């Protein structure tokens, strides 16, 4: 069993330019309405390079095997967020044992398969594509009009199409938690956009036409 812990859901809370030509078109809506109003929040993985303190700890497996020596603040944040990437590029995830006050609760992922971590369904977390939801079947394509036309921090434009790869452990139904890879991406997004609830449509039409998932890396 693999345990995945999403970040505490975080909501967009400031101005919303750049969407006037996209919100009402709904060009990519291929299926019926799933939710008229779902809360939209965000999650990400921790990067050791973002932590500047000098104190270190050993993170270990559930059976006590040493995995790595890392920044202590980074290790503490990994216990909350579920996944972390070390300065040398290794990817660690919480295992299915309890951490408690220790750091003996991690396992190392194959970074070639899971460069940004693993979802509760066992598939890779994909930046700007993966979402967590508790009332939508995993693997479901969805379309969110309010994300159609948003310019991402790397300059690419989102088409509103997403995929349910995960489930949330800190929220209930009518809630979409969007994976944005890094906290800095979240910070950049909230400077330009403002909404906390969204309409959610199926990304697959009754005829089988599917919403297009793009690569935003």
N, C-alpha and C. Protein backbone atom coordinates (compact mmCIF):
# COMPACT_ATOMS: atom_id res chain seq x y z
N UNK A 1 0.84 -1.19 0.00
CA UNK A 1 0.00 0.00 0.00
C UNK A 1 0.87 1.25 0.00
N UNK A 2 0.55 2.21 -0.82
CA UNK A 2 1.30 3.45 -0.89
C UNK A 2 0.44 4.56 -0.34
N UNK A 3 0.99 5.34 0.57
CA UNK A 3 0.25 6.45 1.13
C UNK A 3 0.64 7.72 0.42
N UNK A 4 -0.36 8.45 -0.03
CA UNK A 4 -0.10 9.75 -0.64
C UNK A 4 -0.82 10.81 0.17
N UNK A 5 -0.13 11.83 0.57
CA UNK A 5 -0.74 12.90 1.33
C UNK A 5 -0.61 14.18 0.54
N UNK A 6 -1.74 14.75 0.12
CA UNK A 6 -1.68 16.00 -0.61
C UNK A 6 -1.42 17.14 0.34
N UNK A 7 -1.00 18.28 -0.20
CA UNK A 7 -0.79 19.44 0.63
C UNK A 7 -2.11 19.93 1.18
N UNK A 8 -2.03 20.75 2.24
CA UNK A 8 -3.25 21.37 2.71
C UNK A 8 -3.81 22.20 1.57
N UNK A 9 -5.07 21.98 1.19
CA UNK A 9 -5.62 22.69 0.03
C UNK A 9 -5.47 24.20 0.14
N UNK A 10 -5.00 24.81 -0.92
CA UNK A 10 -4.76 26.24 -0.95
C UNK A 10 -5.54 26.84 -2.11
N UNK A 11 -6.21 27.96 -1.86
CA UNK A 11 -7.13 28.53 -2.83
C UNK A 11 -6.54 29.76 -3.49
N UNK A 12 -6.84 29.95 -4.80
CA UNK A 12 -6.48 31.18 -5.48
C UNK A 12 -7.26 32.34 -4.89
N UNK A 13 -6.58 33.46 -4.64
CA UNK A 13 -7.25 34.53 -3.93
C UNK A 13 -7.01 35.93 -4.45
N UNK A 14 -6.43 36.12 -5.63
CA UNK A 14 -6.26 37.50 -6.07
C UNK A 14 -6.69 37.72 -7.52
N UNK A 15 -6.44 38.88 -8.21
CA UNK A 15 -7.00 39.37 -9.48
C UNK A 15 -7.10 38.36 -10.62
N UNK A 16 -7.89 38.50 -11.64
CA UNK A 16 -8.10 37.50 -12.70
C UNK A 16 -8.05 38.07 -14.11
N UNK A 17 -6.89 38.55 -14.61
CA UNK A 17 -6.83 39.03 -15.99
C UNK A 17 -6.65 37.88 -16.97
N UNK A 18 -6.89 38.15 -18.23
CA UNK A 18 -6.53 37.22 -19.29
C UNK A 18 -7.51 36.12 -19.58
N UNK A 19 -8.72 36.13 -19.01
CA UNK A 19 -9.63 35.03 -19.24
C UNK A 19 -10.88 35.43 -20.03
N UNK A 20 -11.04 36.70 -20.35
CA UNK A 20 -12.28 37.17 -20.96
C UNK A 20 -12.61 36.46 -22.26
N UNK A 21 -11.59 36.06 -23.00
CA UNK A 21 -11.83 35.40 -24.28
C UNK A 21 -12.03 33.90 -24.14
N UNK A 22 -11.99 33.39 -22.90
CA UNK A 22 -12.02 31.94 -22.72
C UNK A 22 -13.18 31.46 -21.85
N UNK A 23 -13.59 32.25 -20.89
CA UNK A 23 -14.55 31.75 -19.91
C UNK A 23 -15.89 31.37 -20.51
N UNK A 24 -16.33 32.08 -21.54
CA UNK A 24 -17.65 31.83 -22.08
C UNK A 24 -17.66 30.96 -23.34
N UNK A 25 -16.48 30.69 -23.90
CA UNK A 25 -16.42 29.90 -25.12
C UNK A 25 -16.69 28.42 -24.85
N UNK A 26 -15.99 27.87 -23.86
CA UNK A 26 -16.13 26.47 -23.51
C UNK A 26 -15.95 25.57 -24.73
N UNK A 27 -14.95 25.91 -25.52
CA UNK A 27 -14.72 25.19 -26.77
C UNK A 27 -14.35 23.72 -26.51
N UNK A 28 -13.78 23.46 -25.33
CA UNK A 28 -13.33 22.09 -25.06
C UNK A 28 -14.30 21.30 -24.19
N UNK A 29 -15.47 21.84 -23.94
CA UNK A 29 -16.44 21.10 -23.14
C UNK A 29 -17.01 19.98 -23.99
N UNK A 30 -16.63 18.75 -23.68
CA UNK A 30 -17.05 17.61 -24.48
C UNK A 30 -18.08 16.74 -23.80
N UNK A 31 -18.33 16.98 -22.52
CA UNK A 31 -19.24 16.13 -21.80
C UNK A 31 -20.17 16.92 -20.90
N UNK A 32 -21.03 16.24 -20.16
CA UNK A 32 -22.01 16.89 -19.31
C UNK A 32 -21.39 17.53 -18.07
N UNK A 33 -22.16 18.40 -17.46
CA UNK A 33 -21.73 19.05 -16.23
C UNK A 33 -21.63 18.03 -15.10
N UNK A 34 -20.50 18.03 -14.39
CA UNK A 34 -20.31 17.18 -13.22
C UNK A 34 -20.67 17.93 -11.95
N UNK A 35 -20.20 19.18 -11.88
CA UNK A 35 -20.45 19.99 -10.69
C UNK A 35 -20.61 21.45 -11.09
N UNK A 36 -21.66 22.08 -10.61
CA UNK A 36 -21.88 23.50 -10.87
C UNK A 36 -20.94 24.36 -10.04
N UNK A 37 -20.54 23.85 -8.88
CA UNK A 37 -19.69 24.64 -7.99
C UNK A 37 -18.83 23.72 -7.14
N UNK A 38 -17.56 23.58 -7.52
CA UNK A 38 -16.59 22.82 -6.73
C UNK A 38 -15.49 23.75 -6.27
N UNK A 39 -15.03 23.56 -5.06
CA UNK A 39 -13.91 24.35 -4.56
C UNK A 39 -12.65 23.95 -5.31
N UNK A 40 -11.83 24.95 -5.65
CA UNK A 40 -10.56 24.69 -6.33
C UNK A 40 -9.41 25.06 -5.41
N UNK A 41 -8.56 24.08 -5.12
CA UNK A 41 -7.36 24.31 -4.30
C UNK A 41 -6.16 23.70 -5.02
N UNK A 42 -5.00 23.77 -4.38
CA UNK A 42 -3.75 23.43 -5.04
C UNK A 42 -2.86 22.59 -4.14
N UNK A 43 -2.05 21.72 -4.75
CA UNK A 43 -1.02 21.02 -3.98
C UNK A 43 0.24 20.89 -4.82
N UNK A 44 1.34 20.60 -4.12
CA UNK A 44 2.66 20.56 -4.77
C UNK A 44 3.56 19.62 -3.98
N UNK A 45 4.76 19.38 -4.49
CA UNK A 45 5.76 18.60 -3.76
C UNK A 45 6.80 19.56 -3.21
N UNK A 46 7.50 19.12 -2.19
CA UNK A 46 8.54 19.94 -1.57
C UNK A 46 9.87 19.72 -2.28
N UNK A 47 10.64 20.81 -2.40
CA UNK A 47 11.98 20.76 -2.98
C UNK A 47 12.99 21.18 -1.91
N UNK A 48 13.96 20.31 -1.65
CA UNK A 48 14.94 20.61 -0.60
C UNK A 48 15.68 21.92 -0.87
N UNK A 49 15.86 22.25 -2.13
CA UNK A 49 16.58 23.47 -2.49
C UNK A 49 15.87 24.74 -2.01
N UNK A 50 14.59 24.63 -1.65
CA UNK A 50 13.84 25.79 -1.16
C UNK A 50 14.06 26.05 0.33
N UNK A 51 14.77 25.15 1.00
CA UNK A 51 14.96 25.27 2.45
C UNK A 51 16.41 25.65 2.75
N UNK A 52 16.58 26.68 3.57
CA UNK A 52 17.91 27.26 3.76
C UNK A 52 18.56 26.96 5.11
N UNK A 53 17.83 26.35 6.05
CA UNK A 53 18.43 26.06 7.35
C UNK A 53 19.53 25.02 7.20
N UNK A 54 20.37 24.90 8.21
CA UNK A 54 21.53 24.00 8.12
C UNK A 54 21.36 22.70 8.90
N UNK A 55 20.35 22.61 9.75
CA UNK A 55 20.15 21.39 10.54
C UNK A 55 19.68 20.26 9.63
N UNK A 56 20.23 19.06 9.85
CA UNK A 56 19.88 17.91 9.01
C UNK A 56 19.37 16.75 9.86
N UNK A 57 18.67 15.84 9.19
CA UNK A 57 18.20 14.61 9.82
C UNK A 57 18.33 13.48 8.80
N UNK A 58 18.33 12.26 9.31
CA UNK A 58 18.31 11.09 8.43
C UNK A 58 16.86 10.67 8.21
N UNK A 59 16.45 10.55 6.94
CA UNK A 59 15.15 9.95 6.68
C UNK A 59 15.37 8.47 6.42
N UNK A 60 14.42 7.66 6.89
CA UNK A 60 14.59 6.22 6.84
C UNK A 60 13.34 5.53 6.32
N UNK A 61 13.49 4.27 5.98
CA UNK A 61 12.34 3.46 5.57
C UNK A 61 11.56 3.04 6.81
N UNK A 62 10.43 2.40 6.61
CA UNK A 62 9.61 1.96 7.73
C UNK A 62 10.34 0.94 8.60
N UNK A 63 11.27 0.18 8.01
CA UNK A 63 12.03 -0.80 8.79
C UNK A 63 13.33 -0.24 9.34
N UNK A 64 13.52 1.09 9.22
CA UNK A 64 14.67 1.74 9.84
C UNK A 64 15.90 1.86 8.97
N UNK A 65 15.83 1.48 7.70
CA UNK A 65 16.98 1.60 6.81
C UNK A 65 17.17 3.06 6.42
N UNK A 66 18.42 3.56 6.58
CA UNK A 66 18.71 4.94 6.22
C UNK A 66 18.60 5.14 4.71
N UNK A 67 17.90 6.19 4.31
CA UNK A 67 17.72 6.49 2.89
C UNK A 67 18.54 7.70 2.46
N UNK A 68 18.58 8.73 3.31
CA UNK A 68 19.30 9.95 2.94
C UNK A 68 19.42 10.87 4.14
N UNK A 69 20.41 11.74 4.11
CA UNK A 69 20.54 12.83 5.09
C UNK A 69 20.05 14.09 4.39
N UNK A 70 19.04 14.75 4.97
CA UNK A 70 18.42 15.90 4.30
C UNK A 70 18.20 17.04 5.29
N UNK A 71 17.89 18.19 4.76
CA UNK A 71 17.53 19.34 5.56
C UNK A 71 16.33 19.00 6.46
N UNK A 72 16.42 19.34 7.75
CA UNK A 72 15.35 18.96 8.68
C UNK A 72 14.02 19.62 8.34
N UNK A 73 14.04 20.91 7.99
CA UNK A 73 12.79 21.58 7.64
C UNK A 73 12.15 20.95 6.41
N UNK A 74 12.98 20.53 5.48
CA UNK A 74 12.51 19.82 4.29
C UNK A 74 11.84 18.51 4.69
N UNK A 75 12.49 17.76 5.59
CA UNK A 75 11.93 16.49 6.04
C UNK A 75 10.60 16.69 6.76
N UNK A 76 10.52 17.73 7.59
CA UNK A 76 9.26 18.02 8.28
C UNK A 76 8.15 18.35 7.29
N UNK A 77 8.48 19.11 6.26
CA UNK A 77 7.48 19.47 5.25
C UNK A 77 7.07 18.26 4.42
N UNK A 78 8.02 17.35 4.15
CA UNK A 78 7.68 16.12 3.43
C UNK A 78 6.67 15.29 4.20
N UNK A 79 6.76 15.31 5.53
CA UNK A 79 5.82 14.56 6.34
C UNK A 79 4.40 15.10 6.20
N UNK A 80 4.29 16.39 5.88
CA UNK A 80 2.99 17.01 5.67
C UNK A 80 2.51 16.88 4.23
N UNK A 81 3.42 17.13 3.28
CA UNK A 81 3.04 17.16 1.87
C UNK A 81 3.00 15.78 1.24
N UNK A 82 3.82 14.86 1.74
CA UNK A 82 3.79 13.49 1.23
C UNK A 82 4.93 13.14 0.30
N UNK A 83 5.45 14.12 -0.43
CA UNK A 83 6.50 13.86 -1.42
C UNK A 83 7.53 14.97 -1.39
N UNK A 84 8.79 14.62 -1.63
CA UNK A 84 9.84 15.62 -1.67
C UNK A 84 10.95 15.23 -2.63
N UNK A 85 11.61 16.25 -3.16
CA UNK A 85 12.72 16.05 -4.09
C UNK A 85 13.98 16.67 -3.49
N UNK A 86 15.02 15.88 -3.31
CA UNK A 86 16.24 16.34 -2.67
C UNK A 86 17.07 17.20 -3.62
N UNK A 87 18.09 17.83 -3.07
CA UNK A 87 18.96 18.68 -3.88
C UNK A 87 19.65 17.91 -4.99
N UNK A 88 19.91 16.63 -4.75
CA UNK A 88 20.57 15.82 -5.78
C UNK A 88 19.58 15.10 -6.69
N UNK A 89 18.28 15.44 -6.58
CA UNK A 89 17.28 14.94 -7.52
C UNK A 89 16.57 13.67 -7.15
N UNK A 90 16.85 13.11 -5.97
CA UNK A 90 16.12 11.91 -5.56
C UNK A 90 14.71 12.26 -5.12
N UNK A 91 13.77 11.35 -5.37
CA UNK A 91 12.36 11.59 -5.05
C UNK A 91 11.94 10.62 -3.95
N UNK A 92 11.41 11.17 -2.86
CA UNK A 92 10.96 10.36 -1.73
C UNK A 92 9.48 10.59 -1.46
N UNK A 93 8.83 9.53 -1.01
CA UNK A 93 7.39 9.58 -0.73
C UNK A 93 7.13 8.94 0.63
N UNK A 94 6.07 9.38 1.29
CA UNK A 94 5.64 8.72 2.51
C UNK A 94 5.24 7.29 2.21
N UNK A 95 5.59 6.37 3.10
CA UNK A 95 5.18 4.98 2.98
C UNK A 95 3.91 4.79 3.81
N UNK A 96 3.47 3.54 4.00
CA UNK A 96 2.21 3.30 4.68
C UNK A 96 2.34 3.09 6.18
N UNK A 97 3.50 3.38 6.77
CA UNK A 97 3.65 3.33 8.22
C UNK A 97 3.51 4.74 8.78
N UNK A 98 3.27 4.85 10.05
CA UNK A 98 3.11 6.15 10.70
C UNK A 98 4.48 6.76 11.00
N UNK A 99 4.62 8.05 10.73
CA UNK A 99 5.87 8.74 11.03
C UNK A 99 6.02 8.99 12.53
N UNK A 100 4.94 9.46 13.16
CA UNK A 100 5.05 9.88 14.55
C UNK A 100 6.04 11.03 14.65
N UNK A 101 6.91 10.96 15.64
CA UNK A 101 7.94 12.00 15.81
C UNK A 101 9.23 11.65 15.08
N UNK A 102 9.25 10.49 14.41
CA UNK A 102 10.47 10.05 13.72
C UNK A 102 10.41 10.41 12.24
N UNK A 103 11.45 10.01 11.51
CA UNK A 103 11.50 10.19 10.06
C UNK A 103 11.64 8.84 9.38
N UNK A 104 11.19 7.78 10.08
CA UNK A 104 11.28 6.42 9.54
C UNK A 104 9.96 6.03 8.88
N UNK A 105 9.65 6.69 7.78
CA UNK A 105 8.34 6.47 7.16
C UNK A 105 8.36 6.78 5.66
N UNK A 106 9.53 6.67 5.02
CA UNK A 106 9.66 7.06 3.62
C UNK A 106 10.13 5.90 2.74
N UNK A 107 9.94 6.05 1.46
CA UNK A 107 10.57 5.15 0.49
C UNK A 107 10.97 5.98 -0.71
N UNK A 108 11.98 5.48 -1.45
CA UNK A 108 12.49 6.21 -2.60
C UNK A 108 11.79 5.74 -3.87
N UNK A 109 11.40 6.71 -4.70
CA UNK A 109 10.76 6.43 -5.98
C UNK A 109 11.78 6.41 -7.10
N UNK A 110 11.44 5.73 -8.18
CA UNK A 110 12.24 5.77 -9.39
C UNK A 110 11.96 7.12 -10.06
N UNK A 111 12.93 8.01 -10.05
CA UNK A 111 12.69 9.36 -10.55
C UNK A 111 12.47 9.41 -12.06
N UNK A 112 12.88 8.36 -12.78
CA UNK A 112 12.60 8.34 -14.22
C UNK A 112 11.13 8.05 -14.49
N UNK A 113 10.48 7.33 -13.60
CA UNK A 113 9.06 7.02 -13.74
C UNK A 113 8.18 8.02 -13.01
N UNK A 114 8.68 8.52 -11.88
CA UNK A 114 7.89 9.40 -11.03
C UNK A 114 8.68 10.66 -10.67
N UNK A 115 8.99 11.50 -11.66
CA UNK A 115 9.85 12.66 -11.40
C UNK A 115 9.23 13.68 -10.44
N UNK A 116 7.89 13.68 -10.29
CA UNK A 116 7.23 14.61 -9.37
C UNK A 116 6.42 13.87 -8.31
N UNK A 117 6.68 12.58 -8.14
CA UNK A 117 5.97 11.82 -7.12
C UNK A 117 4.89 10.94 -7.71
N UNK A 118 4.24 10.20 -6.80
CA UNK A 118 3.27 9.18 -7.20
C UNK A 118 1.91 9.49 -6.59
N UNK A 119 0.86 9.19 -7.32
CA UNK A 119 -0.50 9.40 -6.82
C UNK A 119 -0.98 8.17 -6.06
N UNK A 120 -2.13 8.30 -5.41
CA UNK A 120 -2.68 7.17 -4.67
C UNK A 120 -3.14 6.06 -5.61
N UNK A 121 -3.30 6.35 -6.89
CA UNK A 121 -3.68 5.32 -7.86
C UNK A 121 -2.46 4.65 -8.49
N UNK A 122 -1.27 5.09 -8.09
CA UNK A 122 -0.04 4.47 -8.57
C UNK A 122 0.50 5.05 -9.86
N UNK A 123 -0.12 6.10 -10.38
CA UNK A 123 0.38 6.74 -11.59
C UNK A 123 1.16 7.99 -11.21
N UNK A 124 2.04 8.47 -12.08
CA UNK A 124 2.84 9.65 -11.75
C UNK A 124 1.97 10.90 -11.59
N UNK A 125 2.39 11.78 -10.68
CA UNK A 125 1.79 13.10 -10.60
C UNK A 125 2.30 13.92 -11.78
N UNK A 126 1.39 14.54 -12.52
CA UNK A 126 1.76 15.29 -13.72
C UNK A 126 1.45 16.77 -13.50
N UNK A 127 2.47 17.63 -13.51
CA UNK A 127 2.25 19.05 -13.26
C UNK A 127 1.19 19.66 -14.17
N UNK A 128 0.24 20.37 -13.56
CA UNK A 128 -0.82 21.11 -14.23
C UNK A 128 -1.85 20.22 -14.92
N UNK A 129 -1.72 18.90 -14.77
CA UNK A 129 -2.68 17.94 -15.34
C UNK A 129 -3.40 17.15 -14.25
N UNK A 130 -2.65 16.63 -13.29
CA UNK A 130 -3.22 15.82 -12.21
C UNK A 130 -4.08 16.66 -11.28
N UNK A 131 -5.24 16.10 -10.93
CA UNK A 131 -6.04 16.66 -9.84
C UNK A 131 -6.43 15.53 -8.90
N UNK A 132 -6.70 15.91 -7.65
CA UNK A 132 -7.27 14.98 -6.67
C UNK A 132 -8.73 15.34 -6.49
N UNK A 133 -9.58 14.32 -6.38
CA UNK A 133 -11.01 14.51 -6.13
C UNK A 133 -11.54 13.27 -5.43
N UNK A 134 -12.55 13.45 -4.59
CA UNK A 134 -13.10 12.33 -3.85
C UNK A 134 -14.43 11.83 -4.40
N UNK A 135 -15.05 12.59 -5.28
CA UNK A 135 -16.36 12.19 -5.80
C UNK A 135 -16.36 12.01 -7.32
N UNK A 136 -15.17 11.91 -7.90
CA UNK A 136 -15.02 11.65 -9.34
C UNK A 136 -14.08 10.46 -9.50
N UNK A 137 -14.44 9.50 -10.31
CA UNK A 137 -13.66 8.28 -10.48
C UNK A 137 -12.25 8.59 -10.99
N UNK A 138 -11.27 7.90 -10.42
CA UNK A 138 -9.88 8.07 -10.86
C UNK A 138 -9.76 7.69 -12.34
N UNK A 139 -8.96 8.48 -13.04
CA UNK A 139 -8.77 8.27 -14.47
C UNK A 139 -9.72 9.09 -15.32
N UNK A 140 -10.70 9.74 -14.69
CA UNK A 140 -11.68 10.54 -15.43
C UNK A 140 -11.06 11.82 -15.97
N UNK A 141 -11.29 12.10 -17.23
CA UNK A 141 -10.90 13.38 -17.81
C UNK A 141 -11.97 14.41 -17.45
N UNK A 142 -11.54 15.60 -17.04
CA UNK A 142 -12.47 16.66 -16.72
C UNK A 142 -12.06 17.94 -17.44
N UNK A 143 -13.01 18.83 -17.58
CA UNK A 143 -12.75 20.13 -18.20
C UNK A 143 -13.26 21.23 -17.28
N UNK A 144 -12.38 22.19 -16.95
CA UNK A 144 -12.74 23.32 -16.09
C UNK A 144 -12.60 24.60 -16.90
N UNK A 145 -13.72 25.22 -17.28
CA UNK A 145 -13.66 26.41 -18.12
C UNK A 145 -12.79 27.53 -17.57
N UNK A 146 -12.79 27.72 -16.26
CA UNK A 146 -12.03 28.82 -15.68
C UNK A 146 -10.52 28.64 -15.80
N UNK A 147 -10.07 27.44 -16.10
CA UNK A 147 -8.64 27.22 -16.31
C UNK A 147 -8.27 27.34 -17.78
N UNK A 148 -9.26 27.35 -18.65
CA UNK A 148 -9.01 27.46 -20.08
C UNK A 148 -8.55 28.88 -20.41
N UNK A 149 -7.29 29.00 -20.82
CA UNK A 149 -6.73 30.31 -21.15
C UNK A 149 -5.80 30.88 -20.10
N UNK A 150 -5.70 30.24 -18.94
CA UNK A 150 -4.76 30.72 -17.93
C UNK A 150 -3.32 30.54 -18.41
N UNK A 151 -2.52 31.58 -18.26
CA UNK A 151 -1.10 31.50 -18.59
C UNK A 151 -0.35 30.98 -17.37
N UNK A 152 0.33 29.87 -17.53
CA UNK A 152 1.06 29.23 -16.44
C UNK A 152 2.38 29.96 -16.18
N UNK A 153 3.00 29.72 -15.03
CA UNK A 153 4.26 30.40 -14.71
C UNK A 153 5.36 30.21 -15.74
N UNK A 154 5.33 29.10 -16.48
CA UNK A 154 6.36 28.87 -17.50
C UNK A 154 5.99 29.47 -18.85
N UNK A 155 4.88 30.21 -18.91
CA UNK A 155 4.48 30.89 -20.14
C UNK A 155 3.53 30.12 -21.03
N UNK A 156 3.31 28.84 -20.73
CA UNK A 156 2.38 28.05 -21.53
C UNK A 156 0.94 28.34 -21.11
N UNK A 157 0.01 28.16 -22.05
CA UNK A 157 -1.39 28.45 -21.80
C UNK A 157 -2.16 27.15 -21.59
N UNK A 158 -2.94 27.09 -20.52
CA UNK A 158 -3.69 25.89 -20.19
C UNK A 158 -4.97 25.82 -21.01
N UNK A 159 -5.39 24.59 -21.36
CA UNK A 159 -6.62 24.43 -22.15
C UNK A 159 -7.81 23.97 -21.31
N UNK A 160 -7.63 23.90 -19.99
CA UNK A 160 -8.74 23.55 -19.12
C UNK A 160 -8.97 22.06 -18.93
N UNK A 161 -8.20 21.22 -19.62
CA UNK A 161 -8.38 19.77 -19.53
C UNK A 161 -7.46 19.18 -18.46
N UNK A 162 -8.03 18.34 -17.60
CA UNK A 162 -7.31 17.76 -16.47
C UNK A 162 -7.69 16.29 -16.33
N UNK A 163 -6.99 15.60 -15.43
CA UNK A 163 -7.30 14.19 -15.20
C UNK A 163 -7.29 13.89 -13.70
N UNK A 164 -8.26 13.14 -13.24
CA UNK A 164 -8.34 12.76 -11.83
C UNK A 164 -7.40 11.58 -11.61
N UNK A 165 -6.25 11.85 -11.01
CA UNK A 165 -5.26 10.81 -10.73
C UNK A 165 -5.21 10.45 -9.25
N UNK A 166 -5.81 11.28 -8.41
CA UNK A 166 -5.60 11.13 -6.98
C UNK A 166 -6.87 11.40 -6.19
N UNK A 167 -6.80 11.15 -4.90
CA UNK A 167 -7.88 11.49 -3.99
C UNK A 167 -7.33 12.34 -2.87
N UNK A 168 -8.20 13.11 -2.22
CA UNK A 168 -7.76 14.00 -1.15
C UNK A 168 -8.04 13.41 0.21
N UNK A 169 -7.14 13.66 1.15
CA UNK A 169 -7.31 13.15 2.51
C UNK A 169 -7.66 14.26 3.49
N UNK A 170 -7.71 15.49 3.01
CA UNK A 170 -8.01 16.61 3.91
C UNK A 170 -9.24 17.40 3.45
N UNK A 171 -10.02 16.81 2.55
CA UNK A 171 -11.24 17.47 2.10
C UNK A 171 -12.28 16.43 1.70
N UNK A 172 -13.50 16.91 1.42
CA UNK A 172 -14.58 16.01 1.06
C UNK A 172 -14.94 16.10 -0.41
N UNK A 173 -16.23 16.06 -0.72
CA UNK A 173 -16.70 16.10 -2.10
C UNK A 173 -16.83 17.54 -2.60
N UNK A 174 -17.16 17.68 -3.89
CA UNK A 174 -17.27 18.98 -4.53
C UNK A 174 -15.99 19.80 -4.33
N UNK A 175 -14.88 19.16 -4.60
CA UNK A 175 -13.58 19.77 -4.33
C UNK A 175 -12.57 19.22 -5.33
N UNK A 176 -11.85 20.11 -6.00
CA UNK A 176 -10.79 19.76 -6.94
C UNK A 176 -9.48 20.32 -6.41
N UNK A 177 -8.49 19.46 -6.21
CA UNK A 177 -7.16 19.86 -5.74
C UNK A 177 -6.20 19.68 -6.91
N UNK A 178 -5.66 20.79 -7.41
CA UNK A 178 -4.88 20.82 -8.66
C UNK A 178 -3.39 20.74 -8.34
N UNK A 179 -2.67 19.82 -9.00
CA UNK A 179 -1.24 19.65 -8.77
C UNK A 179 -0.45 20.63 -9.63
N UNK A 180 0.26 21.56 -8.97
CA UNK A 180 1.03 22.59 -9.69
C UNK A 180 2.54 22.43 -9.49
N UNK A 181 2.96 21.29 -8.97
CA UNK A 181 4.38 20.89 -8.87
C UNK A 181 5.16 21.61 -7.77
N UNK A 182 5.22 22.94 -7.81
CA UNK A 182 6.03 23.68 -6.85
C UNK A 182 5.21 24.79 -6.19
N UNK A 183 5.55 25.10 -4.96
CA UNK A 183 4.86 26.17 -4.26
C UNK A 183 5.06 27.51 -4.98
N UNK A 184 6.22 27.69 -5.60
CA UNK A 184 6.48 28.94 -6.33
C UNK A 184 5.51 29.09 -7.50
N UNK A 185 5.08 27.97 -8.10
CA UNK A 185 4.08 28.05 -9.17
C UNK A 185 2.74 28.52 -8.62
N UNK A 186 2.38 28.01 -7.46
CA UNK A 186 1.14 28.48 -6.82
C UNK A 186 1.22 29.98 -6.54
N UNK A 187 2.34 30.41 -5.99
CA UNK A 187 2.50 31.84 -5.67
C UNK A 187 2.38 32.70 -6.92
N UNK A 188 2.94 32.23 -8.04
CA UNK A 188 2.85 32.98 -9.29
C UNK A 188 1.42 33.02 -9.81
N UNK A 189 0.70 31.91 -9.69
CA UNK A 189 -0.68 31.84 -10.18
C UNK A 189 -1.61 32.78 -9.43
N UNK A 190 -1.45 32.86 -8.11
CA UNK A 190 -2.40 33.67 -7.35
C UNK A 190 -2.17 35.17 -7.52
N UNK A 191 -1.05 35.55 -8.11
CA UNK A 191 -0.83 36.97 -8.39
C UNK A 191 -1.66 37.44 -9.57
N UNK A 192 -2.09 36.50 -10.41
CA UNK A 192 -2.77 36.88 -11.65
C UNK A 192 -4.22 36.39 -11.74
N UNK A 193 -4.63 35.50 -10.85
CA UNK A 193 -5.94 34.87 -10.98
C UNK A 193 -6.69 34.89 -9.66
N UNK A 194 -8.01 34.89 -9.75
CA UNK A 194 -8.84 34.94 -8.56
C UNK A 194 -10.13 34.16 -8.73
N UNK A 195 -10.22 33.00 -8.14
CA UNK A 195 -11.48 32.27 -8.01
C UNK A 195 -11.25 31.10 -7.07
N UNK A 196 -12.26 30.77 -6.31
CA UNK A 196 -12.14 29.67 -5.37
C UNK A 196 -13.08 28.52 -5.70
N UNK A 197 -14.09 28.77 -6.56
CA UNK A 197 -14.99 27.70 -6.96
C UNK A 197 -15.11 27.67 -8.48
N UNK A 198 -15.34 26.48 -9.02
CA UNK A 198 -15.34 26.30 -10.47
C UNK A 198 -16.45 25.34 -10.91
N UNK A 199 -16.87 25.47 -12.16
CA UNK A 199 -17.71 24.47 -12.80
C UNK A 199 -16.80 23.35 -13.29
N UNK A 200 -17.27 22.12 -13.17
CA UNK A 200 -16.50 20.96 -13.63
C UNK A 200 -17.35 20.16 -14.61
N UNK A 201 -16.81 19.94 -15.81
CA UNK A 201 -17.50 19.15 -16.83
C UNK A 201 -16.74 17.86 -17.10
N UNK A 202 -17.43 16.87 -17.58
CA UNK A 202 -16.76 15.67 -18.04
C UNK A 202 -15.91 16.02 -19.25
N UNK A 203 -14.72 15.43 -19.32
CA UNK A 203 -13.86 15.68 -20.46
C UNK A 203 -14.05 14.69 -21.58
N UNK A 204 -15.07 13.84 -21.46
CA UNK A 204 -15.38 12.87 -22.52
C UNK A 204 -16.87 12.97 -22.86
N UNK A 205 -17.16 13.15 -24.14
CA UNK A 205 -18.54 13.29 -24.58
C UNK A 205 -19.21 11.93 -24.67
N UNK A 206 -20.54 11.90 -24.72
CA UNK A 206 -21.24 10.62 -24.88
C UNK A 206 -20.81 9.86 -26.13
N UNK A 207 -20.34 10.59 -27.14
CA UNK A 207 -19.89 9.93 -28.38
C UNK A 207 -18.47 9.39 -28.27
N UNK A 208 -17.79 9.71 -27.16
CA UNK A 208 -16.44 9.20 -26.95
C UNK A 208 -15.33 10.18 -27.23
N UNK A 209 -15.67 11.38 -27.74
CA UNK A 209 -14.65 12.39 -27.99
C UNK A 209 -14.04 12.84 -26.67
N UNK A 210 -12.71 12.91 -26.62
CA UNK A 210 -12.02 13.19 -25.36
C UNK A 210 -11.33 14.54 -25.36
N UNK A 211 -11.36 15.17 -24.21
CA UNK A 211 -10.63 16.40 -23.95
C UNK A 211 -9.13 16.12 -24.14
N UNK A 212 -8.41 17.07 -24.68
CA UNK A 212 -6.99 16.87 -24.98
C UNK A 212 -6.10 17.24 -23.79
N UNK A 213 -5.35 16.28 -23.29
CA UNK A 213 -4.37 16.53 -22.22
C UNK A 213 -3.07 16.99 -22.85
N UNK A 214 -2.59 18.16 -22.43
CA UNK A 214 -1.36 18.71 -23.00
C UNK A 214 -0.17 18.52 -22.07
N UNK A 215 1.02 18.67 -22.61
CA UNK A 215 2.25 18.61 -21.84
C UNK A 215 2.66 20.04 -21.51
N UNK A 216 2.71 20.38 -20.20
CA UNK A 216 3.02 21.74 -19.80
C UNK A 216 4.45 21.89 -19.27
N UNK A 217 5.29 20.88 -19.44
CA UNK A 217 6.67 20.96 -18.96
C UNK A 217 7.56 21.61 -20.01
